[in-house]
């Protein structure tokens, strides 16, 4: 994220936050049968673009992971403020159990179909 996190060098290439291209980059998973879309800032962004990206992929199953109300509260008005990081992390850990159940169900559905 320019102005917040600098680009990094990896194996001679320069890389920036993938969010510059898209909030989810879901369209890069073309051909996937199961698509997991993690949108930690979904409450701050327009929803149209991620939905279009998912349609392009055309997966059989989509699992979206977005912050719940408690996590949004933990983020506060600006999730980039360092004071929000620990509460946001704890809220994410709490939310992870429910997400894990949804992911497991999606995976089992695909494994069972073949």
C-alpha atoms as a PDB file:
ATOM      1  CA  UNK A   1       0.000   0.000   0.000  1.00  0.00           C
ATOM      2  CA  UNK A   2       1.865   3.092  -1.198  1.00  0.00           C
ATOM      3  CA  UNK A   3       2.444   5.586   1.551  1.00  0.00           C
ATOM      4  CA  UNK A   4       1.850   2.965   4.230  1.00  0.00           C
ATOM      5  CA  UNK A   5       3.945  -0.063   3.320  1.00  0.00           C
ATOM      6  CA  UNK A   6       6.884   0.235   0.951  1.00  0.00           C
ATOM      7  CA  UNK A   7       7.445  -2.106  -1.992  1.00  0.00           C
ATOM      8  CA  UNK A   8       9.650  -5.108  -1.242  1.00  0.00           C
ATOM      9  CA  UNK A   9      12.353  -6.784  -3.279  1.00  0.00           C
ATOM     10  CA  UNK A  10      12.076 -10.528  -3.762  1.00  0.00           C
ATOM     11  CA  UNK A  11      14.401 -12.491  -6.048  1.00  0.00           C
ATOM     12  CA  UNK A  12      15.275  -9.336  -7.925  1.00  0.00           C
ATOM     13  CA  UNK A  13      11.671  -8.199  -8.483  1.00  0.00           C
ATOM     14  CA  UNK A  14       9.874  -5.295  -6.825  1.00  0.00           C
ATOM     15  CA  UNK A  15       6.446  -6.032  -5.381  1.00  0.00           C
ATOM     16  CA  UNK A  16       3.658  -3.943  -3.889  1.00  0.00           C
ATOM     17  CA  UNK A  17       0.472  -4.832  -2.047  1.00  0.00           C
ATOM     18  CA  UNK A  18      -1.837  -6.818  -4.345  1.00  0.00           C
ATOM     19  CA  UNK A  19      -4.688  -4.625  -3.159  1.00  0.00           C
ATOM     20  CA  UNK A  20      -3.501  -2.009  -5.616  1.00  0.00           C
ATOM     21  CA  UNK A  21      -4.793  -4.207  -8.421  1.00  0.00           C
ATOM     22  CA  UNK A  22      -7.929  -5.455  -6.694  1.00  0.00           C
ATOM     23  CA  UNK A  23      -9.308  -5.761  -3.175  1.00  0.00           C
ATOM     24  CA  UNK A  24      -9.491  -9.547  -3.562  1.00  0.00           C
ATOM     25  CA  UNK A  25      -7.723 -10.593  -6.783  1.00  0.00           C
ATOM     26  CA  UNK A  26     -10.337 -13.357  -6.935  1.00  0.00           C
ATOM     27  CA  UNK A  27     -10.284 -13.344 -10.729  1.00  0.00           C
ATOM     28  CA  UNK A  28      -6.774 -14.809 -10.645  1.00  0.00           C
ATOM     29  CA  UNK A  29      -8.291 -18.123  -9.523  1.00  0.00           C
ATOM     30  CA  UNK A  30      -9.925 -18.818 -12.887  1.00  0.00           C
ATOM     31  CA  UNK A  31     -10.868 -22.472 -13.164  1.00  0.00           C
ATOM     32  CA  UNK A  32     -11.056 -23.091  -9.431  1.00  0.00           C
ATOM     33  CA  UNK A  33     -13.920 -25.278  -8.249  1.00  0.00           C
ATOM     34  CA  UNK A  34     -13.749 -23.895  -4.715  1.00  0.00           C
ATOM     35  CA  UNK A  35     -12.941 -20.224  -4.272  1.00  0.00           C
ATOM     36  CA  UNK A  36     -12.086 -18.738  -0.889  1.00  0.00           C
ATOM     37  CA  UNK A  37     -12.222 -14.946  -0.910  1.00  0.00           C
ATOM     38  CA  UNK A  38     -10.765 -13.202   2.135  1.00  0.00           C
ATOM     39  CA  UNK A  39     -11.872  -9.575   2.398  1.00  0.00           C
ATOM     40  CA  UNK A  40     -10.637  -8.124   5.694  1.00  0.00           C
ATOM     41  CA  UNK A  41     -11.765  -4.612   4.748  1.00  0.00           C
ATOM     42  CA  UNK A  42     -15.037  -5.552   3.016  1.00  0.00           C
ATOM     43  CA  UNK A  43     -16.974  -3.155   5.242  1.00  0.00           C
ATOM     44  CA  UNK A  44     -14.941  -0.238   3.849  1.00  0.00           C
ATOM     45  CA  UNK A  45     -15.105  -1.125   0.143  1.00  0.00           C
ATOM     46  CA  UNK A  46     -17.693  -1.285  -2.599  1.00  0.00           C
ATOM     47  CA  UNK A  47     -18.912  -4.838  -3.101  1.00  0.00           C
ATOM     48  CA  UNK A  48     -19.478  -4.724  -6.860  1.00  0.00           C
ATOM     49  CA  UNK A  49     -15.893  -5.416  -7.973  1.00  0.00           C
ATOM     50  CA  UNK A  50     -15.375  -8.584  -5.875  1.00  0.00           C
ATOM     51  CA  UNK A  51     -18.723  -9.954  -7.068  1.00  0.00           C
ATOM     52  CA  UNK A  52     -17.711  -9.385 -10.701  1.00  0.00           C
ATOM     53  CA  UNK A  53     -14.370 -11.109 -10.100  1.00  0.00           C
ATOM     54  CA  UNK A  54     -16.116 -14.124  -8.567  1.00  0.00           C
ATOM     55  CA  UNK A  55     -18.484 -14.332 -11.549  1.00  0.00           C
ATOM     56  CA  UNK A  56     -15.482 -14.414 -13.900  1.00  0.00           C
ATOM     57  CA  UNK A  57     -14.021 -17.396 -12.043  1.00  0.00           C
ATOM     58  CA  UNK A  58     -17.350 -19.256 -12.027  1.00  0.00           C
ATOM     59  CA  UNK A  59     -16.513 -21.611  -9.174  1.00  0.00           C
ATOM     60  CA  UNK A  60     -18.859 -24.337  -7.971  1.00  0.00           C
ATOM     61  CA  UNK A  61     -18.472 -23.157  -4.374  1.00  0.00           C
ATOM     62  CA  UNK A  62     -17.560 -19.751  -2.932  1.00  0.00           C
ATOM     63  CA  UNK A  63     -16.614 -19.093   0.673  1.00  0.00           C
ATOM     64  CA  UNK A  64     -16.251 -15.429   1.529  1.00  0.00           C
ATOM     65  CA  UNK A  65     -14.516 -14.365   4.706  1.00  0.00           C
ATOM     66  CA  UNK A  66     -15.420 -10.876   5.882  1.00  0.00           C
ATOM     67  CA  UNK A  67     -15.147  -9.267   9.300  1.00  0.00           C
ATOM     68  CA  UNK A  68     -18.135  -9.711  11.579  1.00  0.00           C
ATOM     69  CA  UNK A  69     -19.513  -6.874  13.748  1.00  0.00           C
ATOM     70  CA  UNK A  70     -17.125  -7.538  16.629  1.00  0.00           C
ATOM     71  CA  UNK A  71     -14.132  -7.520  14.308  1.00  0.00           C
ATOM     72  CA  UNK A  72     -15.280  -4.307  12.619  1.00  0.00           C
ATOM     73  CA  UNK A  73     -15.568  -2.720  16.062  1.00  0.00           C
ATOM     74  CA  UNK A  74     -12.035  -3.906  16.893  1.00  0.00           C
ATOM     75  CA  UNK A  75     -10.710  -2.311  13.696  1.00  0.00           C
ATOM     76  CA  UNK A  76     -12.044   1.057  14.797  1.00  0.00           C
ATOM     77  CA  UNK A  77     -12.253   3.889  12.289  1.00  0.00           C
ATOM     78  CA  UNK A  78      -8.773   3.190  10.901  1.00  0.00           C
ATOM     79  CA  UNK A  79      -7.428  -0.387  10.924  1.00  0.00           C
ATOM     80  CA  UNK A  80      -3.950   0.901  10.047  1.00  0.00           C
ATOM     81  CA  UNK A  81      -3.574   2.539  13.463  1.00  0.00           C
ATOM     82  CA  UNK A  82      -1.252   0.350  15.509  1.00  0.00           C
ATOM     83  CA  UNK A  83      -3.531   0.435  18.567  1.00  0.00           C
ATOM     84  CA  UNK A  84      -6.135  -1.496  16.532  1.00  0.00           C
ATOM     85  CA  UNK A  85      -3.808  -4.340  15.565  1.00  0.00           C
ATOM     86  CA  UNK A  86      -3.955  -6.483  18.720  1.00  0.00           C
ATOM     87  CA  UNK A  87      -7.748  -6.195  19.204  1.00  0.00           C
ATOM     88  CA  UNK A  88      -8.231  -6.874  15.484  1.00  0.00           C
ATOM     89  CA  UNK A  89      -6.005  -9.946  15.671  1.00  0.00           C
ATOM     90  CA  UNK A  90      -7.894 -11.278  18.701  1.00  0.00           C
ATOM     91  CA  UNK A  91     -11.236 -10.701  16.973  1.00  0.00           C
ATOM     92  CA  UNK A  92      -9.966 -12.563  13.909  1.00  0.00           C
ATOM     93  CA  UNK A  93      -8.816 -15.502  16.020  1.00  0.00           C
ATOM     94  CA  UNK A  94     -12.263 -15.603  17.636  1.00  0.00           C
ATOM     95  CA  UNK A  95     -13.974 -15.513  14.236  1.00  0.00           C
ATOM     96  CA  UNK A  96     -11.701 -18.216  12.797  1.00  0.00           C
ATOM     97  CA  UNK A  97     -13.609 -21.164  14.301  1.00  0.00           C
ATOM     98  CA  UNK A  98     -16.796 -20.288  12.421  1.00  0.00           C
ATOM     99  CA  UNK A  99     -14.836 -19.672   9.233  1.00  0.00           C
ATOM    100  CA  UNK A 100     -13.033 -23.009   9.610  1.00  0.00           C
ATOM    101  CA  UNK A 101     -16.374 -24.811   9.795  1.00  0.00           C
ATOM    102  CA  UNK A 102     -17.558 -23.128   6.574  1.00  0.00           C
ATOM    103  CA  UNK A 103     -14.296 -23.936   4.800  1.00  0.00           C
ATOM    104  CA  UNK A 104     -14.441 -27.552   5.915  1.00  0.00           C
ATOM    105  CA  UNK A 105     -18.025 -27.902   4.685  1.00  0.00           C
ATOM    106  CA  UNK A 106     -17.139 -26.388   1.296  1.00  0.00           C
ATOM    107  CA  UNK A 107     -14.134 -28.657   0.921  1.00  0.00           C
ATOM    108  CA  UNK A 108     -16.072 -31.773   1.913  1.00  0.00           C
ATOM    109  CA  UNK A 109     -18.805 -30.880  -0.570  1.00  0.00           C
ATOM    110  CA  UNK A 110     -16.254 -30.748  -3.403  1.00  0.00           C
ATOM    111  CA  UNK A 111     -14.384 -33.875  -2.331  1.00  0.00           C
ATOM    112  CA  UNK A 112     -17.669 -35.746  -2.157  1.00  0.00           C
ATOM    113  CA  UNK A 113     -18.630 -34.694  -5.692  1.00  0.00           C
ATOM    114  CA  UNK A 114     -15.519 -35.735  -7.237  1.00  0.00           C
END
